[in-house]
Amino acid sequence: MPLVLASTSRFRRELLSRLALPFLAVAPVCDETPLPGESALDTAVRLARVKAMSLADTHPDALLIGSDQVALLDGEQLGKPGTLEKARAMLAAMSGQTVLFHTALALYNAASGRLQEAVDVTRVTMRPLTPAQIDAYLAREPDALHCAGAAKSEGLGGALIARIDSTDPNALIGLPLFALVTMLHNEGVEIL
């Protein structure tokens, strides 16, 4: 059964390639705007599900993987900043704070209609950051504009972080591999 990653994220492709399985990466059809009153957890789960299921018509015999991440700081969802100004503001707000990163995973078997879902919540404690440190980071880490909260932990963003608490270190990068291995096993796909 073909495996399709519903994502254009280079980071998610790199993570999935660690499992040494052949897969396609295809852009999902998904509006990533949070719904009014929706919690960060619910947003991440909904978007992961929508991303996976959005490809069912074009890949009717595939296992479709969707993943989404939402950062939460003091009750406010932080998405991908997209601009330097927004990234600066997000990083300044997160300075010295603990941020919750909700990374949801959905595996949809388009042939059977079976949907499996999981969420990893990663607690990230940020170091106190000066405006000069934030500017230096953003100048050297342009991919940060495309990461939730502008915090790209697998790159120079590691210097922003004082502590990470998670059940799966891959989740913070964007794809909970530990849960995915279990889900694939449930669909008869063995990694080892």
Protein backbone atom coordinates (compact mmCIF):
# COMPACT_ATOMS: atom_id res chain seq x y z
CA MET A 1 0.00 0.00 0.00
CA PRO A 2 1.53 3.38 -0.98
CA LEU A 3 2.49 5.80 1.76
CA VAL A 4 1.74 9.50 1.18
CA LEU A 5 2.86 12.36 3.41
CA ALA A 6 0.32 15.19 3.17
CA SER A 7 2.90 17.92 3.53
CA THR A 8 5.30 20.15 1.64
CA SER A 9 7.47 20.58 4.75
CA ARG A 10 11.11 19.68 4.16
CA PHE A 11 11.42 18.94 7.89
CA ARG A 12 8.57 16.40 7.86
CA ARG A 13 9.97 14.75 4.72
CA GLU A 14 13.37 14.42 6.40
CA LEU A 15 11.80 12.91 9.52
CA LEU A 16 9.71 10.39 7.58
CA SER A 17 12.71 9.37 5.48
CA ARG A 18 14.37 8.16 8.71
CA LEU A 19 12.00 5.18 8.64
CA ALA A 20 13.52 4.07 5.29
CA LEU A 21 10.12 3.50 3.68
CA PRO A 22 9.25 4.69 0.18
CA PHE A 23 6.73 7.54 0.23
CA LEU A 24 5.39 10.44 -1.77
CA ALA A 25 5.09 13.95 -0.36
CA VAL A 26 2.03 15.79 -1.69
CA ALA A 27 0.65 19.20 -0.78
CA PRO A 28 -2.57 18.82 1.22
CA VAL A 29 -5.70 20.84 0.59
CA CYS A 30 -6.17 22.62 3.91
CA ASP A 31 -6.99 26.04 5.32
CA GLU A 32 -4.83 26.24 8.45
CA THR A 33 -6.80 29.03 10.11
CA PRO A 34 -7.86 28.13 13.66
CA LEU A 35 -11.62 28.12 14.21
CA PRO A 36 -13.10 30.64 16.66
CA GLY A 37 -12.82 29.33 20.21
CA GLU A 38 -10.83 26.27 19.13
CA SER A 39 -8.12 25.09 21.53
CA ALA A 40 -4.54 24.61 20.32
CA LEU A 41 -4.93 20.86 20.80
CA ASP A 42 -8.17 20.77 18.80
CA THR A 43 -6.67 22.92 16.03
CA ALA A 44 -3.65 20.65 15.67
CA VAL A 45 -5.77 17.46 15.64
CA ARG A 46 -8.30 18.88 13.18
CA LEU A 47 -5.62 20.12 10.79
CA ALA A 48 -3.66 16.85 10.87
CA ARG A 49 -6.87 14.96 10.09
CA VAL A 50 -7.95 17.35 7.31
CA LYS A 51 -4.50 17.24 5.72
CA ALA A 52 -4.47 13.43 5.63
CA MET A 53 -8.04 13.03 4.44
CA SER A 54 -7.74 15.80 1.82
CA LEU A 55 -5.73 13.48 -0.41
CA ALA A 56 -8.08 10.49 -0.27
CA ASP A 57 -9.70 11.21 -3.65
CA THR A 58 -6.38 11.44 -5.48
CA HIS A 59 -4.74 8.57 -3.55
CA PRO A 60 -7.63 6.15 -2.85
CA ASP A 61 -5.42 3.13 -2.07
CA ALA A 62 -2.84 4.86 0.12
CA LEU A 63 -1.97 5.34 3.74
CA LEU A 64 -2.13 9.11 4.15
CA ILE A 65 -0.11 10.89 6.85
CA GLY A 66 -1.14 14.30 8.12
CA SER A 67 0.60 16.26 10.84
CA ASP A 68 0.23 19.73 12.26
CA GLN A 69 1.78 21.69 15.08
CA VAL A 70 0.39 24.57 17.12
CA ALA A 71 2.38 26.41 19.76
CA LEU A 72 0.53 27.75 22.79
CA LEU A 73 1.78 30.57 25.00
CA ASP A 74 -0.39 31.92 27.82
CA GLY A 75 -3.54 30.68 26.09
CA GLU A 76 -2.64 32.22 22.71
CA GLN A 77 -1.97 30.08 19.64
CA LEU A 78 1.27 30.83 17.84
CA GLY A 79 1.40 29.66 14.27
CA LYS A 80 4.08 30.13 11.63
CA PRO A 81 5.07 33.80 11.68
CA GLY A 82 5.74 34.19 7.96
CA THR A 83 7.36 37.63 8.44
CA LEU A 84 10.36 38.89 10.39
CA GLU A 85 8.19 41.31 12.36
CA LYS A 86 5.85 38.56 13.54
CA ALA A 87 8.78 36.25 14.29
CA ARG A 88 10.45 38.94 16.43
CA ALA A 89 7.22 39.54 18.33
CA MET A 90 6.65 35.80 18.92
CA LEU A 91 10.20 35.20 20.14
CA ALA A 92 10.09 38.26 22.40
CA ALA A 93 6.83 37.02 23.94
CA MET A 94 8.28 33.53 24.45
CA SER A 95 11.51 34.82 26.04
CA GLY A 96 11.97 33.14 29.42
CA GLN A 97 8.58 31.42 29.16
CA THR A 98 7.38 27.84 28.77
CA VAL A 99 5.60 27.16 25.50
CA LEU A 100 3.46 24.09 24.76
CA PHE A 101 3.87 22.65 21.28
CA HIS A 102 0.90 20.46 20.30
CA THR A 103 1.96 18.16 17.45
CA ALA A 104 -0.89 16.09 16.07
CA LEU A 105 -0.59 13.09 13.80
CA ALA A 106 -3.26 11.43 11.67
CA LEU A 107 -2.88 8.27 9.61
CA TYR A 108 -5.79 7.68 7.25
CA ASN A 109 -6.20 4.44 5.32
CA ALA A 110 -8.04 5.73 2.26
CA ALA A 111 -9.02 2.22 1.17
CA SER A 112 -10.59 1.08 4.45
CA GLY A 113 -11.58 4.47 5.92
CA ARG A 114 -9.67 3.74 9.15
CA LEU A 115 -8.36 6.85 10.91
CA GLN A 116 -5.76 6.80 13.68
CA GLU A 117 -4.80 9.92 15.60
CA ALA A 118 -2.28 10.88 18.26
CA VAL A 119 -0.93 14.06 19.85
CA ASP A 120 2.39 14.80 21.46
CA VAL A 121 2.57 17.81 23.76
CA THR A 122 6.10 19.12 24.13
CA ARG A 123 6.93 21.62 26.88
CA VAL A 124 9.67 23.98 25.73
CA THR A 125 11.23 26.41 28.20
CA MET A 126 12.87 29.28 26.37
CA ARG A 127 15.95 31.12 27.58
CA PRO A 128 15.59 34.84 28.33
CA LEU A 129 16.34 36.53 25.01
CA THR A 130 17.49 40.05 24.19
CA PRO A 131 16.30 41.84 21.06
CA ALA A 132 19.87 41.56 19.68
CA GLN A 133 19.85 37.76 20.23
CA ILE A 134 16.47 37.45 18.51
CA ASP A 135 17.69 39.49 15.53
CA ALA A 136 20.92 37.46 15.28
CA TYR A 137 18.95 34.21 15.36
CA LEU A 138 16.49 35.33 12.68
CA ALA A 139 19.30 36.61 10.45
CA ARG A 140 21.01 33.20 10.59
CA GLU A 141 17.91 30.94 10.61
CA PRO A 142 15.60 32.04 7.76
CA ASP A 143 13.60 28.77 7.97
CA ALA A 144 12.34 29.94 11.38
CA LEU A 145 9.65 31.98 9.61
CA HIS A 146 8.04 28.67 8.58
CA CYS A 147 8.09 27.05 12.04
CA ALA A 148 5.46 27.32 14.76
CA GLY A 149 6.51 30.10 17.10
CA ALA A 150 9.59 30.76 14.91
CA ALA A 151 11.49 28.30 17.11
CA LYS A 152 13.40 25.86 14.86
CA SER A 153 14.83 23.58 17.53
CA GLU A 154 16.74 21.31 15.15
CA GLY A 155 18.85 24.22 13.91
CA LEU A 156 20.24 27.32 15.56
CA GLY A 157 16.98 27.52 17.52
CA GLY A 158 18.50 25.05 19.97
CA ALA A 159 20.37 28.05 21.39
CA LEU A 160 17.01 29.66 22.28
CA ILE A 161 15.91 26.74 24.43
CA ALA A 162 16.73 26.01 28.06
CA ARG A 163 14.74 22.75 28.38
CA ILE A 164 12.53 20.39 26.39
CA ASP A 165 10.13 17.86 27.92
CA SER A 166 8.57 15.43 25.43
CA THR A 167 7.73 11.79 24.89
CA ASP A 168 9.07 11.99 21.30
CA PRO A 169 11.85 14.43 20.33
CA ASN A 170 10.78 14.15 16.68
CA ALA A 171 7.41 15.72 17.51
CA LEU A 172 8.91 19.13 18.16
CA ILE A 173 10.42 19.06 14.66
CA GLY A 174 6.96 18.32 13.25
CA LEU A 175 6.23 14.59 13.00
CA PRO A 176 5.75 12.24 16.00
CA LEU A 177 7.63 9.23 14.64
CA PHE A 178 7.12 7.01 17.69
CA ALA A 179 3.33 7.17 17.32
CA LEU A 180 3.60 6.84 13.53
CA VAL A 181 5.54 3.57 13.83
CA THR A 182 2.73 2.17 15.99
CA MET A 183 0.05 3.38 13.58
CA LEU A 184 1.87 1.88 10.58
CA HIS A 185 2.21 -1.40 12.47
CA ASN A 186 -1.55 -1.34 13.05
CA GLU A 187 -1.96 -1.13 9.26
CA GLY A 188 0.39 -4.06 8.65
CA VAL A 189 3.45 -1.99 7.73
CA GLU A 190 6.53 -3.20 9.56
CA ILE A 191 9.50 -0.89 9.86
CA LEU A 192 12.01 -3.51 10.98
